[in-house]
Amino acid sequence: MLRIRLMRIGKKKKPFYRVVVAPSQNPRSGKCVEIVGQYNPITDPAHIQFNEERVLHWLRTGAQPTDTVQHLLKIAGVWEKFQSNSLGDSTPSAN
């Protein structure tokens, strides 16, 4: 199963994270399929950046975000786009 999760790349006491798509069996800083964003909690306010098109693609194909990434997606507004698209797809068409 693919997960959308954080990969730490910062120095000691200065965390910086990449948001990656990786198999759930891989270690935190192991191989990843694709980098889809970044998160810097040190800045005020925290810097959150996503490639929305790729994140939505991976969510539609079944990748599961971790709790932290899901919270970041909500802050960035990407989660609402995914929810509205998935709800819109499930409504029957009026043919």
Protein backbone atom coordinates (compact mmCIF):
# COMPACT_ATOMS: atom_id res chain seq x y z
CA MET A 1 0.00 0.00 0.00
CA LEU A 2 1.25 3.48 -0.85
CA ARG A 3 1.32 6.18 1.81
CA ILE A 4 1.70 9.93 1.51
CA ARG A 5 4.00 10.83 4.40
CA LEU A 6 6.78 13.07 5.65
CA MET A 7 10.48 12.41 5.02
CA ARG A 8 12.82 14.33 7.30
CA ILE A 9 15.76 15.96 5.53
CA GLY A 10 16.70 18.78 7.92
CA LYS A 11 19.72 19.14 10.18
CA LYS A 12 19.83 18.29 13.85
CA LYS A 13 17.34 20.50 15.74
CA LYS A 14 16.26 22.13 12.44
CA PRO A 15 13.63 19.85 10.91
CA PHE A 16 12.59 20.22 7.29
CA TYR A 17 10.35 17.70 5.61
CA ARG A 18 9.53 16.52 2.12
CA VAL A 19 6.05 15.17 1.50
CA VAL A 20 6.56 11.93 -0.41
CA VAL A 21 4.61 9.00 -1.81
CA ALA A 22 6.25 5.78 -0.61
CA PRO A 23 5.33 2.17 0.08
CA SER A 24 4.27 1.73 3.70
CA GLN A 25 6.96 -0.95 4.25
CA ASN A 26 9.84 1.43 3.44
CA PRO A 27 11.60 3.26 6.31
CA ARG A 28 10.86 6.94 6.97
CA SER A 29 13.86 8.20 5.00
CA GLY A 30 14.02 5.30 2.56
CA LYS A 31 13.19 5.15 -1.12
CA CYS A 32 10.14 7.02 -2.33
CA VAL A 33 8.04 6.91 -5.49
CA GLU A 34 7.62 10.67 -5.87
CA ILE A 35 8.17 13.93 -3.98
CA VAL A 36 4.88 15.87 -3.94
CA GLY A 37 5.59 18.73 -1.53
CA GLN A 38 7.54 20.22 1.32
CA TYR A 39 6.91 21.38 4.87
CA ASN A 40 9.04 23.67 7.02
CA PRO A 41 7.69 23.93 10.59
CA ILE A 42 10.48 26.29 11.74
CA THR A 43 9.29 29.38 9.84
CA ASP A 44 6.50 31.53 11.27
CA PRO A 45 3.98 30.77 9.81
CA ALA A 46 5.00 27.27 8.78
CA HIS A 47 5.77 26.90 5.06
CA ILE A 48 3.57 24.27 3.40
CA GLN A 49 3.81 23.65 -0.34
CA PHE A 50 2.18 20.90 -2.40
CA ASN A 51 2.07 19.96 -6.06
CA GLU A 52 -1.75 19.77 -5.94
CA GLU A 53 -2.13 17.98 -9.26
CA ARG A 54 0.18 15.13 -8.22
CA VAL A 55 -1.24 14.88 -4.69
CA LEU A 56 -4.78 14.60 -6.08
CA HIS A 57 -3.59 11.99 -8.59
CA TRP A 58 -2.09 9.83 -5.84
CA LEU A 59 -5.11 10.23 -3.57
CA ARG A 60 -7.42 9.15 -6.41
CA THR A 61 -5.25 6.10 -7.12
CA GLY A 62 -5.54 4.94 -3.51
CA ALA A 63 -2.54 6.35 -1.63
CA GLN A 64 -3.39 6.91 2.03
CA PRO A 65 -2.07 10.04 3.79
CA THR A 66 -0.73 9.83 7.32
CA ASP A 67 -2.59 11.81 10.00
CA THR A 68 -0.02 14.62 9.93
CA VAL A 69 -0.05 14.90 6.14
CA GLN A 70 -3.84 14.84 6.08
CA HIS A 71 -3.83 17.76 8.54
CA LEU A 72 -1.36 19.65 6.31
CA LEU A 73 -3.53 18.92 3.26
CA LYS A 74 -6.52 20.40 5.09
CA ILE A 75 -4.55 23.55 5.96
CA ALA A 76 -3.44 23.95 2.33
CA GLY A 77 -6.98 23.33 1.01
CA VAL A 78 -6.05 20.27 -1.06
CA TRP A 79 -8.07 17.83 1.07
CA GLU A 80 -11.31 19.75 0.41
CA LYS A 81 -10.65 19.57 -3.34
CA PHE A 82 -10.16 15.82 -3.07
CA GLN A 83 -13.32 15.39 -0.98
CA SER A 84 -15.44 17.49 -3.36
CA ASN A 85 -14.10 15.61 -6.40
CA SER A 86 -14.69 12.20 -4.83
CA LEU A 87 -18.23 13.20 -3.79
CA GLY A 88 -18.90 14.62 -7.25
CA ASP A 89 -17.79 11.39 -8.91
CA SER A 90 -20.15 9.24 -6.85
CA THR A 91 -23.32 11.18 -7.75
CA PRO A 92 -25.40 9.58 -10.50
CA SER A 93 -25.57 11.44 -13.79
CA ALA A 94 -28.91 12.74 -15.05
CA ASN A 95 -29.08 11.03 -18.45
